[in-house]
């Protein structure tokens, strides 16, 4: 993850990421993340000040991501 973030020019002090595959809509993936202790911890972590989200509808997916960070 750090390689992608740094390649995008983001100067970070802390990072986190949630990834999921297969849920059909945003409500379903959020429900899955909120019922997973590690993913929920990322979502509720007050150290993260910025968020990027994405979904890719392709083979084996859809693939969902949340990238969390705080800049330097």
PDB file of N, CA and C in Angstrom:
ATOM      1  N   UNK A   1       0.819  -1.186   0.000  1.00  0.00           N
ATOM      2  CA  UNK A   1       0.000   0.000   0.000  1.00  0.00           C
ATOM      3  C   UNK A   1       0.865   1.253   0.000  1.00  0.00           C
ATOM      4  N   UNK A   2       1.939   1.262   0.775  1.00  0.00           N
ATOM      5  CA  UNK A   2       2.762   2.475   0.849  1.00  0.00           C
ATOM      6  C   UNK A   2       3.338   2.839  -0.512  1.00  0.00           C
ATOM      7  N   UNK A   3       3.695   1.855  -1.327  1.00  0.00           N
ATOM      8  CA  UNK A   3       4.237   2.133  -2.657  1.00  0.00           C
ATOM      9  C   UNK A   3       3.214   2.875  -3.506  1.00  0.00           C
ATOM     10  N   UNK A   4       1.964   2.419  -3.503  1.00  0.00           N
ATOM     11  CA  UNK A   4       0.903   3.087  -4.276  1.00  0.00           C
ATOM     12  C   UNK A   4       0.646   4.495  -3.775  1.00  0.00           C
ATOM     13  N   UNK A   5       0.587   4.640  -2.464  1.00  0.00           N
ATOM     14  CA  UNK A   5       0.286   5.937  -1.862  1.00  0.00           C
ATOM     15  C   UNK A   5       1.399   6.938  -2.164  1.00  0.00           C
ATOM     16  N   UNK A   6       2.634   6.515  -2.005  1.00  0.00           N
ATOM     17  CA  UNK A   6       3.759   7.408  -2.273  1.00  0.00           C
ATOM     18  C   UNK A   6       3.873   7.726  -3.758  1.00  0.00           C
ATOM     19  N   UNK A   7       3.573   6.766  -4.634  1.00  0.00           N
ATOM     20  CA  UNK A   7       3.597   7.020  -6.076  1.00  0.00           C
ATOM     21  C   UNK A   7       2.563   8.065  -6.473  1.00  0.00           C
ATOM     22  N   UNK A   8       1.488   8.164  -5.704  1.00  0.00           N
ATOM     23  CA  UNK A   8       0.452   9.173  -5.952  1.00  0.00           C
ATOM     24  C   UNK A   8       0.838  10.536  -5.389  1.00  0.00           C
ATOM     25  N   UNK A   9       1.981  10.598  -4.681  1.00  0.00           N
ATOM     26  CA  UNK A   9       2.451  11.867  -4.147  1.00  0.00           C
ATOM     27  C   UNK A   9       1.912  12.224  -2.777  1.00  0.00           C
ATOM     28  N   UNK A  10       1.297  11.270  -2.113  1.00  0.00           N
ATOM     29  CA  UNK A  10       0.730  11.538  -0.786  1.00  0.00           C
ATOM     30  C   UNK A  10       1.812  11.380   0.269  1.00  0.00           C
ATOM     31  N   UNK A  11       2.068  12.428   1.021  1.00  0.00           N
ATOM     32  CA  UNK A  11       3.039  12.392   2.118  1.00  0.00           C
ATOM     33  C   UNK A  11       2.278  12.093   3.396  1.00  0.00           C
ATOM     34  N   UNK A  12       2.464  10.884   3.907  1.00  0.00           N
ATOM     35  CA  UNK A  12       1.612  10.378   4.974  1.00  0.00           C
ATOM     36  C   UNK A  12       2.352  10.241   6.292  1.00  0.00           C
ATOM     37  N   UNK A  13       1.560  10.283   7.363  1.00  0.00           N
ATOM     38  CA  UNK A  13       2.085   9.976   8.694  1.00  0.00           C
ATOM     39  C   UNK A  13       1.463   8.692   9.232  1.00  0.00           C
ATOM     40  N   UNK A  14       0.268   8.347   8.765  1.00  0.00           N
ATOM     41  CA  UNK A  14      -0.389   7.089   9.137  1.00  0.00           C
ATOM     42  C   UNK A  14      -1.314   6.657   8.005  1.00  0.00           C
ATOM     43  N   UNK A  15      -1.428   5.348   7.815  1.00  0.00           N
ATOM     44  CA  UNK A  15      -2.235   4.789   6.730  1.00  0.00           C
ATOM     45  C   UNK A  15      -3.017   3.576   7.213  1.00  0.00           C
ATOM     46  N   UNK A  16      -4.115   3.297   6.535  1.00  0.00           N
ATOM     47  CA  UNK A  16      -4.880   2.078   6.755  1.00  0.00           C
ATOM     48  C   UNK A  16      -5.651   1.751   5.491  1.00  0.00           C
ATOM     49  N   UNK A  17      -6.064   0.495   5.358  1.00  0.00           N
ATOM     50  CA  UNK A  17      -6.798   0.099   4.161  1.00  0.00           C
ATOM     51  C   UNK A  17      -7.779  -1.012   4.495  1.00  0.00           C
ATOM     52  N   UNK A  18      -8.959  -0.918   3.930  1.00  0.00           N
ATOM     53  CA  UNK A  18      -9.947  -1.992   3.960  1.00  0.00           C
ATOM     54  C   UNK A  18     -10.175  -2.457   2.528  1.00  0.00           C
ATOM     55  N   UNK A  19     -10.194  -3.768   2.336  1.00  0.00           N
ATOM     56  CA  UNK A  19     -10.458  -4.365   1.025  1.00  0.00           C
ATOM     57  C   UNK A  19     -11.527  -5.439   1.213  1.00  0.00           C
ATOM     58  N   UNK A  20     -12.440  -5.516   0.261  1.00  0.00           N
ATOM     59  CA  UNK A  20     -13.467  -6.563   0.285  1.00  0.00           C
ATOM     60  C   UNK A  20     -13.755  -6.987  -1.147  1.00  0.00           C
ATOM     61  N   UNK A  21     -14.323  -8.186  -1.278  1.00  0.00           N
ATOM     62  CA  UNK A  21     -14.662  -8.698  -2.604  1.00  0.00           C
ATOM     63  C   UNK A  21     -16.003  -9.413  -2.549  1.00  0.00           C
ATOM     64  N   UNK A  22     -16.835  -9.123  -3.539  1.00  0.00           N
ATOM     65  CA  UNK A  22     -18.038  -9.909  -3.736  1.00  0.00           C
ATOM     66  C   UNK A  22     -19.353  -9.288  -3.311  1.00  0.00           C
ATOM     67  N   UNK A  23     -19.333  -8.321  -2.405  1.00  0.00           N
ATOM     68  CA  UNK A  23     -20.601  -7.709  -1.984  1.00  0.00           C
ATOM     69  C   UNK A  23     -21.200  -6.937  -3.160  1.00  0.00           C
ATOM     70  N   UNK A  24     -22.513  -7.012  -3.298  1.00  0.00           N
ATOM     71  CA  UNK A  24     -23.158  -6.453  -4.488  1.00  0.00           C
ATOM     72  C   UNK A  24     -23.384  -4.952  -4.440  1.00  0.00           C
ATOM     73  N   UNK A  25     -23.371  -4.355  -3.244  1.00  0.00           N
ATOM     74  CA  UNK A  25     -23.613  -2.912  -3.153  1.00  0.00           C
ATOM     75  C   UNK A  25     -22.881  -2.328  -1.945  1.00  0.00           C
ATOM     76  N   UNK A  26     -22.842  -0.999  -1.893  1.00  0.00           N
ATOM     77  CA  UNK A  26     -22.090  -0.301  -0.844  1.00  0.00           C
ATOM     78  C   UNK A  26     -22.624  -0.610   0.552  1.00  0.00           C
ATOM     79  N   UNK A  27     -23.929  -0.708   0.700  1.00  0.00           N
ATOM     80  CA  UNK A  27     -24.496  -1.013   2.021  1.00  0.00           C
ATOM     81  C   UNK A  27     -24.031  -2.383   2.510  1.00  0.00           C
ATOM     82  N   UNK A  28     -23.965  -3.346   1.615  1.00  0.00           N
ATOM     83  CA  UNK A  28     -23.527  -4.694   1.995  1.00  0.00           C
ATOM     84  C   UNK A  28     -22.066  -4.724   2.404  1.00  0.00           C
ATOM     85  N   UNK A  29     -21.220  -4.021   1.663  1.00  0.00           N
ATOM     86  CA  UNK A  29     -19.793  -4.032   2.014  1.00  0.00           C
ATOM     87  C   UNK A  29     -19.564  -3.284   3.320  1.00  0.00           C
ATOM     88  N   UNK A  30     -20.284  -2.197   3.552  1.00  0.00           N
ATOM     89  CA  UNK A  30     -20.136  -1.483   4.827  1.00  0.00           C
ATOM     90  C   UNK A  30     -20.598  -2.351   5.989  1.00  0.00           C
ATOM     91  N   UNK A  31     -21.666  -3.096   5.805  1.00  0.00           N
ATOM     92  CA  UNK A  31     -22.130  -4.013   6.838  1.00  0.00           C
ATOM     93  C   UNK A  31     -21.059  -5.061   7.145  1.00  0.00           C
ATOM     94  N   UNK A  32     -20.443  -5.590   6.111  1.00  0.00           N
ATOM     95  CA  UNK A  32     -19.368  -6.574   6.307  1.00  0.00           C
ATOM     96  C   UNK A  32     -18.204  -5.968   7.071  1.00  0.00           C
ATOM     97  N   UNK A  33     -17.766  -4.789   6.669  1.00  0.00           N
ATOM     98  CA  UNK A  33     -16.634  -4.140   7.338  1.00  0.00           C
ATOM     99  C   UNK A  33     -16.959  -3.804   8.790  1.00  0.00           C
ATOM    100  N   UNK A  34     -18.160  -3.310   9.045  1.00  0.00           N
ATOM    101  CA  UNK A  34     -18.510  -2.934  10.418  1.00  0.00           C
ATOM    102  C   UNK A  34     -18.656  -4.148  11.332  1.00  0.00           C
ATOM    103  N   UNK A  35     -18.836  -5.337  10.757  1.00  0.00           N
ATOM    104  CA  UNK A  35     -18.923  -6.564  11.544  1.00  0.00           C
ATOM    105  C   UNK A  35     -17.595  -7.315  11.619  1.00  0.00           C
ATOM    106  N   UNK A  36     -16.532  -6.699  11.140  1.00  0.00           N
ATOM    107  CA  UNK A  36     -15.185  -7.266  11.211  1.00  0.00           C
ATOM    108  C   UNK A  36     -14.352  -6.359  12.115  1.00  0.00           C
ATOM    109  N   UNK A  37     -13.851  -6.867  13.238  1.00  0.00           N
ATOM    110  CA  UNK A  37     -13.149  -5.992  14.190  1.00  0.00           C
ATOM    111  C   UNK A  37     -12.016  -5.162  13.585  1.00  0.00           C
ATOM    112  N   UNK A  38     -11.192  -5.746  12.740  1.00  0.00           N
ATOM    113  CA  UNK A  38     -10.082  -4.997  12.156  1.00  0.00           C
ATOM    114  C   UNK A  38     -10.526  -3.912  11.196  1.00  0.00           C
ATOM    115  N   UNK A  39     -11.491  -4.244  10.342  1.00  0.00           N
ATOM    116  CA  UNK A  39     -12.010  -3.256   9.392  1.00  0.00           C
ATOM    117  C   UNK A  39     -12.752  -2.139  10.127  1.00  0.00           C
ATOM    118  N   UNK A  40     -13.538  -2.519  11.113  1.00  0.00           N
ATOM    119  CA  UNK A  40     -14.268  -1.528  11.915  1.00  0.00           C
ATOM    120  C   UNK A  40     -13.293  -0.573  12.608  1.00  0.00           C
ATOM    121  N   UNK A  41     -12.190  -1.112  13.118  1.00  0.00           N
ATOM    122  CA  UNK A  41     -11.186  -0.269  13.783  1.00  0.00           C
ATOM    123  C   UNK A  41     -10.631   0.776  12.822  1.00  0.00           C
ATOM    124  N   UNK A  42     -10.380   0.403  11.572  1.00  0.00           N
ATOM    125  CA  UNK A  42      -9.918   1.386  10.589  1.00  0.00           C
ATOM    126  C   UNK A  42     -10.964   2.477  10.378  1.00  0.00           C
ATOM    127  N   UNK A  43     -12.220   2.084  10.208  1.00  0.00           N
ATOM    128  CA  UNK A  43     -13.291   3.046   9.939  1.00  0.00           C
ATOM    129  C   UNK A  43     -13.446   4.036  11.094  1.00  0.00           C
ATOM    130  N   UNK A  44     -13.300   3.570  12.317  1.00  0.00           N
ATOM    131  CA  UNK A  44     -13.531   4.413  13.497  1.00  0.00           C
ATOM    132  C   UNK A  44     -12.266   5.065  14.044  1.00  0.00           C
ATOM    133  N   UNK A  45     -11.123   4.844  13.406  1.00  0.00           N
ATOM    134  CA  UNK A  45      -9.847   5.380  13.882  1.00  0.00           C
ATOM    135  C   UNK A  45      -9.788   6.893  13.662  1.00  0.00           C
ATOM    136  N   UNK A  46      -9.801   7.653  14.734  1.00  0.00           N
ATOM    137  CA  UNK A  46      -9.797   9.121  14.652  1.00  0.00           C
ATOM    138  C   UNK A  46      -8.453   9.691  14.213  1.00  0.00           C
ATOM    139  N   UNK A  47      -7.418   8.869  14.135  1.00  0.00           N
ATOM    140  CA  UNK A  47      -6.125   9.336  13.629  1.00  0.00           C
ATOM    141  C   UNK A  47      -6.170   9.568  12.127  1.00  0.00           C
ATOM    142  N   UNK A  48      -7.063   8.888  11.433  1.00  0.00           N
ATOM    143  CA  UNK A  48      -7.208   9.066   9.994  1.00  0.00           C
ATOM    144  C   UNK A  48      -8.045  10.316   9.726  1.00  0.00           C
ATOM    145  N   UNK A  49      -7.526  11.193   8.886  1.00  0.00           N
ATOM    146  CA  UNK A  49      -8.198  12.463   8.584  1.00  0.00           C
ATOM    147  C   UNK A  49      -8.694  12.541   7.144  1.00  0.00           C
ATOM    148  N   UNK A  50      -8.223  11.638   6.290  1.00  0.00           N
ATOM    149  CA  UNK A  50      -8.580  11.666   4.872  1.00  0.00           C
ATOM    150  C   UNK A  50      -8.938  10.250   4.422  1.00  0.00           C
ATOM    151  N   UNK A  51      -9.773  10.166   3.385  1.00  0.00           N
ATOM    152  CA  UNK A  51     -10.297   8.881   2.934  1.00  0.00           C
ATOM    153  C   UNK A  51     -10.415   8.867   1.420  1.00  0.00           C
ATOM    154  N   UNK A  52     -10.011   7.767   0.825  1.00  0.00           N
ATOM    155  CA  UNK A  52     -10.255   7.509  -0.588  1.00  0.00           C
ATOM    156  C   UNK A  52     -11.028   6.206  -0.698  1.00  0.00           C
ATOM    157  N   UNK A  53     -11.983   6.146  -1.602  1.00  0.00           N
ATOM    158  CA  UNK A  53     -12.785   4.932  -1.774  1.00  0.00           C
ATOM    159  C   UNK A  53     -12.811   4.544  -3.248  1.00  0.00           C
ATOM    160  N   UNK A  54     -12.999   3.266  -3.502  1.00  0.00           N
ATOM    161  CA  UNK A  54     -13.093   2.815  -4.883  1.00  0.00           C
ATOM    162  C   UNK A  54     -13.783   1.478  -4.976  1.00  0.00           C
ATOM    163  N   UNK A  55     -14.310   1.210  -6.164  1.00  0.00           N
ATOM    164  CA  UNK A  55     -14.902  -0.097  -6.459  1.00  0.00           C
ATOM    165  C   UNK A  55     -14.547  -0.439  -7.898  1.00  0.00           C
ATOM    166  N   UNK A  56     -14.218  -1.700  -8.125  1.00  0.00           N
ATOM    167  CA  UNK A  56     -13.925  -2.200  -9.471  1.00  0.00           C
ATOM    168  C   UNK A  56     -14.872  -3.356  -9.749  1.00  0.00           C
ATOM    169  N   UNK A  57     -15.671  -3.222 -10.799  1.00  0.00           N
ATOM    170  CA  UNK A  57     -16.609  -4.272 -11.193  1.00  0.00           C
ATOM    171  C   UNK A  57     -15.955  -5.108 -12.285  1.00  0.00           C
ATOM    172  N   UNK A  58     -15.242  -6.152 -11.878  1.00  0.00           N
ATOM    173  CA  UNK A  58     -14.556  -7.019 -12.828  1.00  0.00           C
ATOM    174  C   UNK A  58     -14.641  -8.462 -12.391  1.00  0.00           C
ATOM    175  N   UNK A  59     -13.876  -9.311 -13.068  1.00  0.00           N
ATOM    176  CA  UNK A  59     -13.857 -10.739 -12.758  1.00  0.00           C
ATOM    177  C   UNK A  59     -13.565 -10.976 -11.287  1.00  0.00           C
ATOM    178  N   UNK A  60     -14.374 -11.837 -10.663  1.00  0.00           N
ATOM    179  CA  UNK A  60     -14.166 -12.185  -9.265  1.00  0.00           C
ATOM    180  C   UNK A  60     -14.641 -11.138  -8.289  1.00  0.00           C
ATOM    181  N   UNK A  61     -15.207 -10.054  -8.765  1.00  0.00           N
ATOM    182  CA  UNK A  61     -15.584  -8.950  -7.904  1.00  0.00           C
ATOM    183  C   UNK A  61     -17.083  -8.836  -7.738  1.00  0.00           C
ATOM    184  N   UNK A  62     -17.532  -7.678  -7.382  1.00  0.00           N
ATOM    185  CA  UNK A  62     -16.779  -6.426  -7.352  1.00  0.00           C
ATOM    186  C   UNK A  62     -15.750  -6.387  -6.217  1.00  0.00           C
ATOM    187  N   UNK A  63     -14.727  -5.568  -6.426  1.00  0.00           N
ATOM    188  CA  UNK A  63     -13.673  -5.320  -5.449  1.00  0.00           C
ATOM    189  C   UNK A  63     -13.893  -3.934  -4.859  1.00  0.00           C
ATOM    190  N   UNK A  64     -13.875  -3.838  -3.546  1.00  0.00           N
ATOM    191  CA  UNK A  64     -14.125  -2.590  -2.823  1.00  0.00           C
ATOM    192  C   UNK A  64     -12.884  -2.215  -2.021  1.00  0.00           C
ATOM    193  N   UNK A  65     -12.544  -0.929  -1.981  1.00  0.00           N
ATOM    194  CA  UNK A  65     -11.419  -0.482  -1.152  1.00  0.00           C
ATOM    195  C   UNK A  65     -11.770   0.814  -0.436  1.00  0.00           C
ATOM    196  N   UNK A  66     -11.211   0.949   0.740  1.00  0.00           N
ATOM    197  CA  UNK A  66     -11.179   2.208   1.482  1.00  0.00           C
ATOM    198  C   UNK A  66      -9.718   2.409   1.873  1.00  0.00           C
ATOM    199  N   UNK A  67      -9.161   3.550   1.536  1.00  0.00           N
ATOM    200  CA  UNK A  67      -7.807   3.906   1.960  1.00  0.00           C
ATOM    201  C   UNK A  67      -7.907   5.095   2.899  1.00  0.00           C
ATOM    202  N   UNK A  68      -7.321   4.951   4.066  1.00  0.00           N
ATOM    203  CA  UNK A  68      -7.372   5.962   5.117  1.00  0.00           C
ATOM    204  C   UNK A  68      -5.984   6.538   5.322  1.00  0.00           C
ATOM    205  N   UNK A  69      -5.913   7.810   5.686  1.00  0.00           N
ATOM    206  CA  UNK A  69      -4.608   8.382   5.978  1.00  0.00           C
ATOM    207  C   UNK A  69      -4.693   9.693   6.722  1.00  0.00           C
ATOM    208  N   UNK A  70      -3.521  10.111   7.136  1.00  0.00           N
ATOM    209  CA  UNK A  70      -3.305  11.453   7.669  1.00  0.00           C
ATOM    210  C   UNK A  70      -1.985  11.916   7.082  1.00  0.00           C
ATOM    211  N   UNK A  71      -1.974  13.110   6.549  1.00  0.00           N
ATOM    212  CA  UNK A  71      -0.755  13.619   5.922  1.00  0.00           C
ATOM    213  C   UNK A  71       0.208  14.147   6.977  1.00  0.00           C
ATOM    214  N   UNK A  72       1.456  14.295   6.546  1.00  0.00           N
ATOM    215  CA  UNK A  72       2.485  14.824   7.449  1.00  0.00           C
ATOM    216  C   UNK A  72       2.266  16.285   7.713  1.00  0.00           C
TER     217      UNK A  72
END
